[in-house]
Amino acid sequence: MHLQALIQIRRAYMELDEAFKLRTTDHAKFMERLDRSMEMFREASRMARAIATEFAQIIDDPSDLGVLYRINIFMVHGFDIVEKFMANIVAFHHGKFYLNPVPMEKVFSPMPLIQRGRL
């Protein structure tokens, strides 16, 4: 299931790339492929949640909790962030509101402030 989800998100990125190659030549095809890539990102996010659900049900050792944690952080939250980010891009190209918050802090730590004279 894990590999299938990774393949799905890779295909979504490839579809997004193909869509943007058409942006200047065929607007209708661009929008069609852009929407298709968005559905693929949604499916990848759904697959990540299914992985976490399945794995949570079969845990039989405390060390499995570390694996479940990583699945939740990097797959469930990571794919969710990608889906929300891509939804903003798609909304922009559809002329809709596109400044919906994307919770990057779920996966990425905030950047430390650099103080003068210190690195």
N, C-alpha and C. Protein backbone atom coordinates (compact mmCIF):
# COMPACT_ATOMS: atom_id res chain seq x y z
N MET A 1 0.82 -1.20 0.00
CA MET A 1 0.00 0.00 0.00
C MET A 1 0.86 1.26 0.00
N HIS A 2 1.95 1.19 0.75
CA HIS A 2 2.87 2.32 0.83
C HIS A 2 3.44 2.67 -0.54
N LEU A 3 3.93 1.66 -1.23
CA LEU A 3 4.50 1.89 -2.55
C LEU A 3 3.44 2.37 -3.54
N GLN A 4 2.23 1.84 -3.43
CA GLN A 4 1.15 2.28 -4.33
C GLN A 4 0.84 3.77 -4.12
N ALA A 5 0.86 4.21 -2.88
CA ALA A 5 0.61 5.63 -2.60
C ALA A 5 1.74 6.50 -3.15
N LEU A 6 2.98 6.04 -3.01
CA LEU A 6 4.11 6.80 -3.55
C LEU A 6 4.04 6.86 -5.08
N ILE A 7 3.65 5.76 -5.69
CA ILE A 7 3.49 5.74 -7.16
C ILE A 7 2.37 6.70 -7.56
N GLN A 8 1.29 6.70 -6.81
CA GLN A 8 0.16 7.58 -7.12
C GLN A 8 0.55 9.05 -7.05
N ILE A 9 1.29 9.44 -6.02
CA ILE A 9 1.66 10.86 -5.92
C ILE A 9 2.67 11.23 -7.00
N ARG A 10 3.53 10.29 -7.35
CA ARG A 10 4.47 10.56 -8.45
C ARG A 10 3.71 10.74 -9.77
N ARG A 11 2.73 9.91 -10.01
CA ARG A 11 1.91 10.07 -11.22
C ARG A 11 1.17 11.41 -11.22
N ALA A 12 0.72 11.83 -10.06
CA ALA A 12 0.04 13.12 -9.96
C ALA A 12 0.98 14.26 -10.32
N TYR A 13 2.22 14.20 -9.82
CA TYR A 13 3.22 15.21 -10.18
C TYR A 13 3.52 15.18 -11.68
N MET A 14 3.60 13.99 -12.24
CA MET A 14 3.87 13.87 -13.68
C MET A 14 2.71 14.44 -14.49
N GLU A 15 1.49 14.21 -14.04
CA GLU A 15 0.31 14.77 -14.72
C GLU A 15 0.31 16.29 -14.63
N LEU A 16 0.68 16.81 -13.46
CA LEU A 16 0.78 18.26 -13.28
C LEU A 16 1.82 18.85 -14.23
N ASP A 17 2.95 18.18 -14.36
CA ASP A 17 4.01 18.62 -15.27
C ASP A 17 3.51 18.64 -16.71
N GLU A 18 2.83 17.57 -17.10
CA GLU A 18 2.29 17.51 -18.47
C GLU A 18 1.26 18.61 -18.69
N ALA A 19 0.46 18.90 -17.68
CA ALA A 19 -0.53 19.97 -17.81
C ALA A 19 0.16 21.30 -18.09
N PHE A 20 1.19 21.61 -17.33
CA PHE A 20 1.86 22.90 -17.50
C PHE A 20 2.62 23.00 -18.82
N LYS A 21 2.97 21.89 -19.40
CA LYS A 21 3.58 21.92 -20.73
C LYS A 21 2.57 22.39 -21.77
N LEU A 22 1.28 22.19 -21.50
CA LEU A 22 0.22 22.58 -22.44
C LEU A 22 -0.34 23.98 -22.17
N ARG A 23 0.11 24.61 -21.11
CA ARG A 23 -0.49 25.87 -20.66
C ARG A 23 -0.52 26.95 -21.74
N THR A 24 0.53 27.06 -22.50
CA THR A 24 0.57 28.13 -23.50
C THR A 24 0.04 27.71 -24.87
N THR A 25 -0.15 26.42 -25.09
CA THR A 25 -0.56 25.96 -26.42
C THR A 25 -2.03 25.55 -26.49
N ASP A 26 -2.56 24.94 -25.43
CA ASP A 26 -3.94 24.44 -25.46
C ASP A 26 -4.56 24.59 -24.08
N HIS A 27 -5.24 25.71 -23.88
CA HIS A 27 -5.78 26.03 -22.55
C HIS A 27 -6.79 25.00 -22.07
N ALA A 28 -7.65 24.53 -22.94
CA ALA A 28 -8.66 23.54 -22.53
C ALA A 28 -8.01 22.25 -22.05
N LYS A 29 -7.02 21.77 -22.78
CA LYS A 29 -6.30 20.55 -22.38
C LYS A 29 -5.53 20.79 -21.08
N PHE A 30 -4.95 21.99 -20.96
CA PHE A 30 -4.24 22.35 -19.74
C PHE A 30 -5.15 22.24 -18.53
N MET A 31 -6.34 22.83 -18.62
CA MET A 31 -7.28 22.80 -17.50
C MET A 31 -7.75 21.37 -17.21
N GLU A 32 -7.98 20.60 -18.24
CA GLU A 32 -8.41 19.21 -18.08
C GLU A 32 -7.35 18.40 -17.34
N ARG A 33 -6.12 18.53 -17.76
CA ARG A 33 -5.03 17.77 -17.12
C ARG A 33 -4.73 18.30 -15.73
N LEU A 34 -4.89 19.59 -15.53
CA LEU A 34 -4.70 20.18 -14.21
C LEU A 34 -5.72 19.60 -13.23
N ASP A 35 -6.98 19.53 -13.67
CA ASP A 35 -8.03 18.94 -12.82
C ASP A 35 -7.78 17.46 -12.57
N ARG A 36 -7.30 16.76 -13.59
CA ARG A 36 -6.99 15.33 -13.43
C ARG A 36 -5.86 15.14 -12.41
N SER A 37 -4.85 15.99 -12.48
CA SER A 37 -3.75 15.88 -11.51
C SER A 37 -4.25 16.14 -10.10
N MET A 38 -5.18 17.09 -9.95
CA MET A 38 -5.73 17.38 -8.62
C MET A 38 -6.46 16.17 -8.06
N GLU A 39 -7.21 15.48 -8.89
CA GLU A 39 -7.88 14.25 -8.44
C GLU A 39 -6.87 13.18 -8.05
N MET A 40 -5.77 13.14 -8.77
CA MET A 40 -4.73 12.16 -8.44
C MET A 40 -4.06 12.49 -7.10
N PHE A 41 -3.86 13.78 -6.82
CA PHE A 41 -3.31 14.18 -5.52
C PHE A 41 -4.29 13.83 -4.40
N ARG A 42 -5.57 14.04 -4.65
CA ARG A 42 -6.59 13.67 -3.63
C ARG A 42 -6.57 12.17 -3.36
N GLU A 43 -6.44 11.39 -4.42
CA GLU A 43 -6.39 9.94 -4.27
C GLU A 43 -5.15 9.51 -3.50
N ALA A 44 -4.01 10.13 -3.76
CA ALA A 44 -2.78 9.81 -3.03
C ALA A 44 -2.96 10.12 -1.55
N SER A 45 -3.59 11.23 -1.24
CA SER A 45 -3.85 11.59 0.15
C SER A 45 -4.78 10.58 0.82
N ARG A 46 -5.80 10.16 0.10
CA ARG A 46 -6.71 9.14 0.63
C ARG A 46 -5.97 7.83 0.88
N MET A 47 -5.09 7.47 -0.03
CA MET A 47 -4.32 6.24 0.11
C MET A 47 -3.40 6.30 1.33
N ALA A 48 -2.81 7.47 1.59
CA ALA A 48 -1.94 7.62 2.76
C ALA A 48 -2.73 7.42 4.05
N ARG A 49 -3.93 7.97 4.11
CA ARG A 49 -4.77 7.76 5.31
C ARG A 49 -5.15 6.29 5.45
N ALA A 50 -5.39 5.61 4.34
CA ALA A 50 -5.73 4.18 4.40
C ALA A 50 -4.55 3.36 4.91
N ILE A 51 -3.34 3.74 4.52
CA ILE A 51 -2.14 3.04 5.00
C ILE A 51 -2.05 3.16 6.52
N ALA A 52 -2.20 4.39 7.02
CA ALA A 52 -2.10 4.62 8.46
C ALA A 52 -3.18 3.84 9.22
N THR A 53 -4.38 3.83 8.69
CA THR A 53 -5.48 3.10 9.32
C THR A 53 -5.18 1.61 9.36
N GLU A 54 -4.74 1.07 8.25
CA GLU A 54 -4.42 -0.35 8.18
C GLU A 54 -3.28 -0.71 9.12
N PHE A 55 -2.24 0.09 9.10
CA PHE A 55 -1.08 -0.22 9.94
C PHE A 55 -1.42 -0.11 11.43
N ALA A 56 -2.26 0.87 11.79
CA ALA A 56 -2.66 1.03 13.19
C ALA A 56 -3.41 -0.19 13.70
N GLN A 57 -4.09 -0.88 12.83
CA GLN A 57 -4.87 -2.05 13.24
C GLN A 57 -4.03 -3.30 13.41
N ILE A 58 -2.83 -3.32 12.83
CA ILE A 58 -2.03 -4.54 12.90
C ILE A 58 -0.80 -4.41 13.80
N ILE A 59 -0.68 -3.29 14.49
CA ILE A 59 0.46 -3.09 15.39
C ILE A 59 0.44 -4.17 16.46
N ASP A 60 1.57 -4.86 16.63
CA ASP A 60 1.64 -5.89 17.67
C ASP A 60 2.91 -5.76 18.51
N ASP A 61 3.66 -4.68 18.31
CA ASP A 61 4.88 -4.47 19.07
C ASP A 61 5.05 -2.97 19.29
N PRO A 62 5.52 -2.56 20.46
CA PRO A 62 5.69 -1.12 20.71
C PRO A 62 6.61 -0.42 19.70
N SER A 63 7.57 -1.14 19.13
CA SER A 63 8.45 -0.51 18.14
C SER A 63 7.69 -0.12 16.87
N ASP A 64 6.55 -0.73 16.64
CA ASP A 64 5.73 -0.38 15.47
C ASP A 64 5.17 1.03 15.59
N LEU A 65 5.10 1.56 16.80
CA LEU A 65 4.57 2.91 16.99
C LEU A 65 5.46 3.95 16.30
N GLY A 66 6.76 3.69 16.26
CA GLY A 66 7.67 4.59 15.55
C GLY A 66 7.38 4.62 14.07
N VAL A 67 7.08 3.46 13.51
CA VAL A 67 6.75 3.38 12.09
C VAL A 67 5.42 4.10 11.84
N LEU A 68 4.45 3.89 12.71
CA LEU A 68 3.16 4.56 12.56
C LEU A 68 3.32 6.08 12.66
N TYR A 69 4.17 6.53 13.57
CA TYR A 69 4.45 7.96 13.70
C TYR A 69 4.98 8.53 12.38
N ARG A 70 5.95 7.84 11.80
CA ARG A 70 6.53 8.32 10.55
C ARG A 70 5.52 8.28 9.40
N ILE A 71 4.67 7.26 9.39
CA ILE A 71 3.60 7.21 8.38
C ILE A 71 2.68 8.42 8.54
N ASN A 72 2.33 8.72 9.77
CA ASN A 72 1.44 9.86 10.02
C ASN A 72 2.08 11.19 9.64
N ILE A 73 3.32 11.39 10.05
CA ILE A 73 3.97 12.67 9.76
C ILE A 73 4.27 12.83 8.28
N PHE A 74 4.95 11.87 7.71
CA PHE A 74 5.46 12.07 6.35
C PHE A 74 4.51 11.62 5.26
N MET A 75 3.61 10.72 5.55
CA MET A 75 2.67 10.30 4.50
C MET A 75 1.33 11.01 4.68
N VAL A 76 0.69 10.82 5.82
CA VAL A 76 -0.65 11.40 6.00
C VAL A 76 -0.57 12.92 5.98
N HIS A 77 0.23 13.51 6.87
CA HIS A 77 0.32 14.97 6.90
C HIS A 77 1.02 15.50 5.65
N GLY A 78 2.08 14.83 5.22
CA GLY A 78 2.80 15.28 4.03
C GLY A 78 1.94 15.31 2.79
N PHE A 79 1.21 14.22 2.55
CA PHE A 79 0.34 14.17 1.37
C PHE A 79 -0.81 15.17 1.50
N ASP A 80 -1.30 15.38 2.73
CA ASP A 80 -2.36 16.36 2.97
C ASP A 80 -1.87 17.78 2.62
N ILE A 81 -0.65 18.08 3.03
CA ILE A 81 -0.07 19.39 2.71
C ILE A 81 0.06 19.56 1.20
N VAL A 82 0.55 18.56 0.53
CA VAL A 82 0.70 18.62 -0.93
C VAL A 82 -0.66 18.82 -1.58
N GLU A 83 -1.67 18.07 -1.11
CA GLU A 83 -3.01 18.20 -1.68
C GLU A 83 -3.54 19.63 -1.52
N LYS A 84 -3.39 20.20 -0.33
CA LYS A 84 -3.88 21.56 -0.10
C LYS A 84 -3.11 22.60 -0.91
N PHE A 85 -1.80 22.41 -1.03
CA PHE A 85 -0.99 23.32 -1.82
C PHE A 85 -1.40 23.27 -3.29
N MET A 86 -1.57 22.06 -3.80
CA MET A 86 -1.97 21.90 -5.20
C MET A 86 -3.39 22.44 -5.43
N ALA A 87 -4.26 22.29 -4.44
CA ALA A 87 -5.62 22.82 -4.57
C ALA A 87 -5.59 24.33 -4.74
N ASN A 88 -4.66 25.01 -4.06
CA ASN A 88 -4.52 26.46 -4.25
C ASN A 88 -4.06 26.79 -5.66
N ILE A 89 -3.14 26.01 -6.19
CA ILE A 89 -2.66 26.24 -7.57
C ILE A 89 -3.79 26.04 -8.57
N VAL A 90 -4.54 24.97 -8.39
CA VAL A 90 -5.67 24.69 -9.30
C VAL A 90 -6.73 25.78 -9.18
N ALA A 91 -7.02 26.21 -7.96
CA ALA A 91 -8.01 27.27 -7.75
C ALA A 91 -7.56 28.56 -8.44
N PHE A 92 -6.29 28.89 -8.36
CA PHE A 92 -5.76 30.08 -9.03
C PHE A 92 -6.05 30.02 -10.53
N HIS A 93 -5.78 28.88 -11.15
CA HIS A 93 -5.96 28.76 -12.60
C HIS A 93 -7.44 28.70 -13.00
N HIS A 94 -8.30 28.40 -12.04
CA HIS A 94 -9.74 28.43 -12.29
C HIS A 94 -10.34 29.80 -11.96
N GLY A 95 -9.50 30.71 -11.50
CA GLY A 95 -9.97 32.05 -11.15
C GLY A 95 -10.73 32.09 -9.84
N LYS A 96 -10.46 31.16 -8.96
CA LYS A 96 -11.12 31.10 -7.65
C LYS A 96 -10.16 31.55 -6.57
N PHE A 97 -10.68 31.67 -5.35
CA PHE A 97 -9.85 32.04 -4.22
C PHE A 97 -8.78 30.99 -4.02
N TYR A 98 -7.54 31.42 -3.88
CA TYR A 98 -6.43 30.47 -3.83
C TYR A 98 -5.46 30.69 -2.67
N LEU A 99 -5.87 31.43 -1.67
CA LEU A 99 -4.99 31.71 -0.54
C LEU A 99 -5.41 30.93 0.71
N ASN A 100 -5.90 29.73 0.52
CA ASN A 100 -6.26 28.89 1.66
C ASN A 100 -4.99 28.47 2.39
N PRO A 101 -5.02 28.49 3.73
CA PRO A 101 -3.81 28.15 4.48
C PRO A 101 -3.38 26.70 4.25
N VAL A 102 -2.09 26.52 4.17
CA VAL A 102 -1.48 25.19 4.03
C VAL A 102 -0.63 24.97 5.28
N PRO A 103 -0.98 23.97 6.10
CA PRO A 103 -0.30 23.80 7.39
C PRO A 103 1.08 23.16 7.28
N MET A 104 2.02 23.91 6.74
CA MET A 104 3.38 23.39 6.54
C MET A 104 4.04 22.99 7.87
N GLU A 105 3.64 23.65 8.95
CA GLU A 105 4.26 23.39 10.25
C GLU A 105 3.97 21.98 10.77
N LYS A 106 3.03 21.27 10.16
CA LYS A 106 2.78 19.89 10.56
C LYS A 106 3.97 18.99 10.25
N VAL A 107 4.73 19.35 9.23
CA VAL A 107 5.87 18.54 8.81
C VAL A 107 7.19 19.30 8.99
N PHE A 108 7.17 20.59 8.69
CA PHE A 108 8.39 21.38 8.72
C PHE A 108 8.43 22.26 9.96
N SER A 109 9.57 22.30 10.61
CA SER A 109 9.76 23.21 11.75
C SER A 109 9.90 24.63 11.22
N PRO A 110 9.43 25.60 12.01
CA PRO A 110 9.62 26.98 11.57
C PRO A 110 11.11 27.31 11.49
N MET A 111 11.48 28.14 10.56
CA MET A 111 12.88 28.53 10.41
C MET A 111 13.30 29.37 11.61
N PRO A 112 14.46 29.11 12.17
CA PRO A 112 14.92 29.94 13.29
C PRO A 112 15.29 31.34 12.79
N LEU A 113 15.06 32.31 13.64
CA LEU A 113 15.44 33.68 13.27
C LEU A 113 16.95 33.81 13.33
N ILE A 114 17.51 34.40 12.33
CA ILE A 114 18.96 34.63 12.31
C ILE A 114 19.20 35.99 12.95
N GLN A 115 19.98 36.00 14.01
CA GLN A 115 20.28 37.25 14.69
C GLN A 115 21.56 37.84 14.13
N ARG A 116 21.64 39.12 14.16
CA ARG A 116 22.83 39.82 13.65
C ARG A 116 24.07 39.34 14.40
N GLY A 117 25.08 38.96 13.65
CA GLY A 117 26.33 38.51 14.23
C GLY A 117 26.36 37.04 14.61
N ARG A 118 25.25 36.36 14.47
CA ARG A 118 25.19 34.91 14.81
C ARG A 118 24.67 34.14 13.61
N LEU A 119 25.15 32.95 13.48
CA LEU A 119 24.63 32.06 12.42
C LEU A 119 24.06 30.83 13.00
